[in-house]
């Protein structure tokens, strides 16, 4: 194995390992409690995490 191939394999192994760890330790997402992404015309105010909105 060359150094580039080894680094590439290590990167993907770490990435897949991190995703597996995160999936195992995170609470499941309840889609019914998530704020709507687009509320155009629904009468609801957007309450999502919009970083550009002034506080």
PDB file of N, CA and C in Angstrom:
ATOM      1  N   UNK A   1       0.841  -1.187   0.000  1.00  0.00           N
ATOM      2  CA  UNK A   1       0.000   0.000   0.000  1.00  0.00           C
ATOM      3  C   UNK A   1       0.881   1.243   0.000  1.00  0.00           C
ATOM      4  N   UNK A   2       0.520   2.181  -0.818  1.00  0.00           N
ATOM      5  CA  UNK A   2       1.265   3.429  -0.833  1.00  0.00           C
ATOM      6  C   UNK A   2       0.749   4.338   0.273  1.00  0.00           C
ATOM      7  N   UNK A   3       1.478   5.395   0.524  1.00  0.00           N
ATOM      8  CA  UNK A   3       1.100   6.319   1.591  1.00  0.00           C
ATOM      9  C   UNK A   3      -0.233   7.008   1.294  1.00  0.00           C
ATOM     10  N   UNK A   4      -0.473   7.340   0.034  1.00  0.00           N
ATOM     11  CA  UNK A   4      -1.734   8.013  -0.327  1.00  0.00           C
ATOM     12  C   UNK A   4      -2.911   7.063  -0.136  1.00  0.00           C
ATOM     13  N   UNK A   5      -2.753   5.816  -0.545  1.00  0.00           N
ATOM     14  CA  UNK A   5      -3.827   4.833  -0.373  1.00  0.00           C
ATOM     15  C   UNK A   5      -4.101   4.584   1.097  1.00  0.00           C
ATOM     16  N   UNK A   6      -3.053   4.530   1.889  1.00  0.00           N
ATOM     17  CA  UNK A   6      -3.214   4.322   3.328  1.00  0.00           C
ATOM     18  C   UNK A   6      -3.944   5.492   3.977  1.00  0.00           C
ATOM     19  N   UNK A   7      -3.575   6.707   3.610  1.00  0.00           N
ATOM     20  CA  UNK A   7      -4.252   7.887   4.162  1.00  0.00           C
ATOM     21  C   UNK A   7      -5.714   7.941   3.734  1.00  0.00           C
ATOM     22  N   UNK A   8      -5.971   7.571   2.487  1.00  0.00           N
ATOM     23  CA  UNK A   8      -7.353   7.565   1.992  1.00  0.00           C
ATOM     24  C   UNK A   8      -8.192   6.539   2.751  1.00  0.00           C
ATOM     25  N   UNK A   9      -7.648   5.353   2.959  1.00  0.00           N
ATOM     26  CA  UNK A   9      -8.367   4.308   3.691  1.00  0.00           C
ATOM     27  C   UNK A   9      -8.576   4.712   5.146  1.00  0.00           C
ATOM     28  N   UNK A  10      -7.590   5.345   5.759  1.00  0.00           N
ATOM     29  CA  UNK A  10      -7.712   5.809   7.136  1.00  0.00           C
ATOM     30  C   UNK A  10      -8.782   6.889   7.254  1.00  0.00           C
ATOM     31  N   UNK A  11      -8.814   7.812   6.303  1.00  0.00           N
ATOM     32  CA  UNK A  11      -9.827   8.867   6.309  1.00  0.00           C
ATOM     33  C   UNK A  11     -11.234   8.271   6.269  1.00  0.00           C
ATOM     34  N   UNK A  12     -11.472   7.344   5.325  1.00  0.00           N
ATOM     35  CA  UNK A  12     -12.803   6.771   5.183  1.00  0.00           C
ATOM     36  C   UNK A  12     -13.175   5.908   6.384  1.00  0.00           C
ATOM     37  N   UNK A  13     -12.203   5.198   6.948  1.00  0.00           N
ATOM     38  CA  UNK A  13     -12.484   4.390   8.135  1.00  0.00           C
ATOM     39  C   UNK A  13     -12.867   5.278   9.314  1.00  0.00           C
ATOM     40  N   UNK A  14     -12.150   6.391   9.494  1.00  0.00           N
ATOM     41  CA  UNK A  14     -12.480   7.323  10.574  1.00  0.00           C
ATOM     42  C   UNK A  14     -13.839   7.984  10.341  1.00  0.00           C
ATOM     43  N   UNK A  15     -14.132   8.347   9.114  1.00  0.00           N
ATOM     44  CA  UNK A  15     -15.415   8.987   8.814  1.00  0.00           C
ATOM     45  C   UNK A  15     -16.578   8.028   9.069  1.00  0.00           C
ATOM     46  N   UNK A  16     -16.461   6.803   8.581  1.00  0.00           N
ATOM     47  CA  UNK A  16     -17.521   5.819   8.804  1.00  0.00           C
ATOM     48  C   UNK A  16     -17.632   5.490  10.287  1.00  0.00           C
ATOM     49  N   UNK A  17     -16.508   5.402  10.986  1.00  0.00           N
ATOM     50  CA  UNK A  17     -16.533   5.147  12.424  1.00  0.00           C
ATOM     51  C   UNK A  17     -17.208   6.268  13.197  1.00  0.00           C
ATOM     52  N   UNK A  18     -16.922   7.512  12.818  1.00  0.00           N
ATOM     53  CA  UNK A  18     -17.556   8.651  13.490  1.00  0.00           C
ATOM     54  C   UNK A  18     -19.056   8.657  13.249  1.00  0.00           C
ATOM     55  N   UNK A  19     -19.480   8.407  12.017  1.00  0.00           N
ATOM     56  CA  UNK A  19     -20.916   8.391  11.713  1.00  0.00           C
ATOM     57  C   UNK A  19     -21.611   7.269  12.483  1.00  0.00           C
ATOM     58  N   UNK A  20     -20.975   6.104  12.578  1.00  0.00           N
ATOM     59  CA  UNK A  20     -21.559   4.991  13.336  1.00  0.00           C
ATOM     60  C   UNK A  20     -21.642   5.336  14.817  1.00  0.00           C
ATOM     61  N   UNK A  21     -20.601   5.956  15.365  1.00  0.00           N
ATOM     62  CA  UNK A  21     -20.614   6.361  16.779  1.00  0.00           C
ATOM     63  C   UNK A  21     -21.706   7.393  17.028  1.00  0.00           C
ATOM     64  N   UNK A  22     -21.821   8.382  16.140  1.00  0.00           N
ATOM     65  CA  UNK A  22     -22.821   9.431  16.301  1.00  0.00           C
ATOM     66  C   UNK A  22     -24.232   8.849  16.220  1.00  0.00           C
ATOM     67  N   UNK A  23     -24.448   7.941  15.284  1.00  0.00           N
ATOM     68  CA  UNK A  23     -25.764   7.310  15.133  1.00  0.00           C
ATOM     69  C   UNK A  23     -26.118   6.491  16.370  1.00  0.00           C
ATOM     70  N   UNK A  24     -25.137   5.835  16.970  1.00  0.00           N
ATOM     71  CA  UNK A  24     -25.391   4.989  18.141  1.00  0.00           C
ATOM     72  C   UNK A  24     -25.647   5.811  19.403  1.00  0.00           C
ATOM     73  N   UNK A  25     -25.065   7.008  19.514  1.00  0.00           N
ATOM     74  CA  UNK A  25     -25.169   7.794  20.737  1.00  0.00           C
ATOM     75  C   UNK A  25     -26.177   8.940  20.670  1.00  0.00           C
ATOM     76  N   UNK A  26     -26.784   9.169  19.517  1.00  0.00           N
ATOM     77  CA  UNK A  26     -27.729  10.280  19.375  1.00  0.00           C
ATOM     78  C   UNK A  26     -29.155   9.810  19.637  1.00  0.00           C
ATOM     79  N   UNK A  27     -29.962  10.739  20.110  1.00  0.00           N
ATOM     80  CA  UNK A  27     -31.382  10.458  20.260  1.00  0.00           C
ATOM     81  C   UNK A  27     -32.015  10.416  18.877  1.00  0.00           C
ATOM     82  N   UNK A  28     -33.045   9.597  18.690  1.00  0.00           N
ATOM     83  CA  UNK A  28     -33.709   9.570  17.383  1.00  0.00           C
ATOM     84  C   UNK A  28     -34.412  10.895  17.108  1.00  0.00           C
ATOM     85  N   UNK A  29     -34.465  11.277  15.854  1.00  0.00           N
ATOM     86  CA  UNK A  29     -35.095  12.527  15.450  1.00  0.00           C
ATOM     87  C   UNK A  29     -36.598  12.304  15.358  1.00  0.00           C
ATOM     88  N   UNK A  30     -37.339  13.149  16.054  1.00  0.00           N
ATOM     89  CA  UNK A  30     -38.800  13.105  15.988  1.00  0.00           C
ATOM     90  C   UNK A  30     -39.229  14.166  14.985  1.00  0.00           C
ATOM     91  N   UNK A  31     -39.587  13.735  13.793  1.00  0.00           N
ATOM     92  CA  UNK A  31     -39.921  14.675  12.729  1.00  0.00           C
ATOM     93  C   UNK A  31     -41.182  15.478  13.018  1.00  0.00           C
ATOM     94  N   UNK A  32     -42.030  14.991  13.901  1.00  0.00           N
ATOM     95  CA  UNK A  32     -43.245  15.734  14.232  1.00  0.00           C
ATOM     96  C   UNK A  32     -42.955  16.958  15.097  1.00  0.00           C
ATOM     97  N   UNK A  33     -41.829  16.980  15.785  1.00  0.00           N
ATOM     98  CA  UNK A  33     -41.484  18.114  16.635  1.00  0.00           C
ATOM     99  C   UNK A  33     -40.556  19.107  15.941  1.00  0.00           C
ATOM    100  N   UNK A  34     -40.084  18.783  14.747  1.00  0.00           N
ATOM    101  CA  UNK A  34     -39.190  19.678  14.026  1.00  0.00           C
ATOM    102  C   UNK A  34     -39.982  20.872  13.487  1.00  0.00           C
ATOM    103  N   UNK A  35     -39.380  22.063  13.487  1.00  0.00           N
ATOM    104  CA  UNK A  35     -40.080  23.216  12.913  1.00  0.00           C
ATOM    105  C   UNK A  35     -40.161  23.066  11.393  1.00  0.00           C
ATOM    106  N   UNK A  36     -41.205  23.612  10.774  1.00  0.00           N
ATOM    107  CA  UNK A  36     -41.312  23.519   9.321  1.00  0.00           C
ATOM    108  C   UNK A  36     -40.189  24.289   8.637  1.00  0.00           C
ATOM    109  N   UNK A  37     -39.659  23.712   7.559  1.00  0.00           N
ATOM    110  CA  UNK A  37     -38.573  24.372   6.839  1.00  0.00           C
ATOM    111  C   UNK A  37     -39.085  25.560   6.043  1.00  0.00           C
ATOM    112  N   UNK A  38     -40.215  25.380   5.375  1.00  0.00           N
ATOM    113  CA  UNK A  38     -40.795  26.444   4.561  1.00  0.00           C
ATOM    114  C   UNK A  38     -42.232  26.641   5.044  1.00  0.00           C
ATOM    115  N   UNK A  39     -42.550  27.856   5.426  1.00  0.00           N
ATOM    116  CA  UNK A  39     -43.890  28.120   5.944  1.00  0.00           C
ATOM    117  C   UNK A  39     -44.640  29.114   5.072  1.00  0.00           C
ATOM    118  N   UNK A  40     -44.300  29.165   3.810  1.00  0.00           N
ATOM    119  CA  UNK A  40     -44.936  30.135   2.915  1.00  0.00           C
ATOM    120  C   UNK A  40     -46.430  29.859   2.806  1.00  0.00           C
ATOM    121  N   UNK A  41     -47.233  30.812   3.249  1.00  0.00           N
ATOM    122  CA  UNK A  41     -48.675  30.712   3.119  1.00  0.00           C
ATOM    123  C   UNK A  41     -49.358  29.863   4.164  1.00  0.00           C
ATOM    124  N   UNK A  42     -48.636  29.322   5.129  1.00  0.00           N
ATOM    125  CA  UNK A  42     -49.283  28.460   6.112  1.00  0.00           C
ATOM    126  C   UNK A  42     -49.794  29.232   7.321  1.00  0.00           C
ATOM    127  N   UNK A  43     -49.369  30.466   7.479  1.00  0.00           N
ATOM    128  CA  UNK A  43     -49.788  31.255   8.622  1.00  0.00           C
ATOM    129  C   UNK A  43     -48.911  31.054   9.844  1.00  0.00           C
ATOM    130  N   UNK A  44     -47.950  30.151   9.783  1.00  0.00           N
ATOM    131  CA  UNK A  44     -47.052  29.915  10.912  1.00  0.00           C
ATOM    132  C   UNK A  44     -45.788  30.749  10.757  1.00  0.00           C
ATOM    133  N   UNK A  45     -45.270  31.177  11.878  1.00  0.00           N
ATOM    134  CA  UNK A  45     -43.992  31.889  11.860  1.00  0.00           C
ATOM    135  C   UNK A  45     -42.866  30.875  11.851  1.00  0.00           C
ATOM    136  N   UNK A  46     -41.812  31.200  11.140  1.00  0.00           N
ATOM    137  CA  UNK A  46     -40.653  30.313  11.080  1.00  0.00           C
ATOM    138  C   UNK A  46     -39.931  30.369  12.414  1.00  0.00           C
ATOM    139  N   UNK A  47     -39.619  29.212  12.986  1.00  0.00           N
ATOM    140  CA  UNK A  47     -38.933  29.174  14.274  1.00  0.00           C
ATOM    141  C   UNK A  47     -37.664  28.356  14.199  1.00  0.00           C
ATOM    142  N   UNK A  48     -37.193  28.080  12.995  1.00  0.00           N
ATOM    143  CA  UNK A  48     -35.985  27.272  12.826  1.00  0.00           C
ATOM    144  C   UNK A  48     -34.737  28.057  13.186  1.00  0.00           C
ATOM    145  N   UNK A  49     -33.610  27.401  13.115  1.00  0.00           N
ATOM    146  CA  UNK A  49     -32.335  28.018  13.468  1.00  0.00           C
ATOM    147  C   UNK A  49     -31.753  28.809  12.314  1.00  0.00           C
ATOM    148  N   UNK A  50     -32.146  30.028  12.164  1.00  0.00           N
ATOM    149  CA  UNK A  50     -31.643  30.867  11.098  1.00  0.00           C
ATOM    150  C   UNK A  50     -30.572  31.793  11.658  1.00  0.00           C
ATOM    151  N   UNK A  51     -29.347  31.534  11.281  1.00  0.00           N
ATOM    152  CA  UNK A  51     -28.213  32.261  11.843  1.00  0.00           C
ATOM    153  C   UNK A  51     -28.187  33.722  11.399  1.00  0.00           C
ATOM    154  N   UNK A  52     -28.773  34.016  10.256  1.00  0.00           N
ATOM    155  CA  UNK A  52     -28.677  35.380   9.746  1.00  0.00           C
ATOM    156  C   UNK A  52     -29.769  36.294  10.296  1.00  0.00           C
ATOM    157  N   UNK A  53     -30.687  35.747  11.066  1.00  0.00           N
ATOM    158  CA  UNK A  53     -31.759  36.586  11.610  1.00  0.00           C
ATOM    159  C   UNK A  53     -31.234  37.389  12.791  1.00  0.00           C
ATOM    160  N   UNK A  54     -31.571  38.684  12.867  1.00  0.00           N
ATOM    161  CA  UNK A  54     -31.135  39.466  14.031  1.00  0.00           C
ATOM    162  C   UNK A  54     -31.845  39.015  15.298  1.00  0.00           C
ATOM    163  N   UNK A  55     -31.153  39.171  16.395  1.00  0.00           N
ATOM    164  CA  UNK A  55     -31.733  38.740  17.669  1.00  0.00           C
ATOM    165  C   UNK A  55     -32.373  39.878  18.409  1.00  0.00           C
TER     166      UNK A  55
END
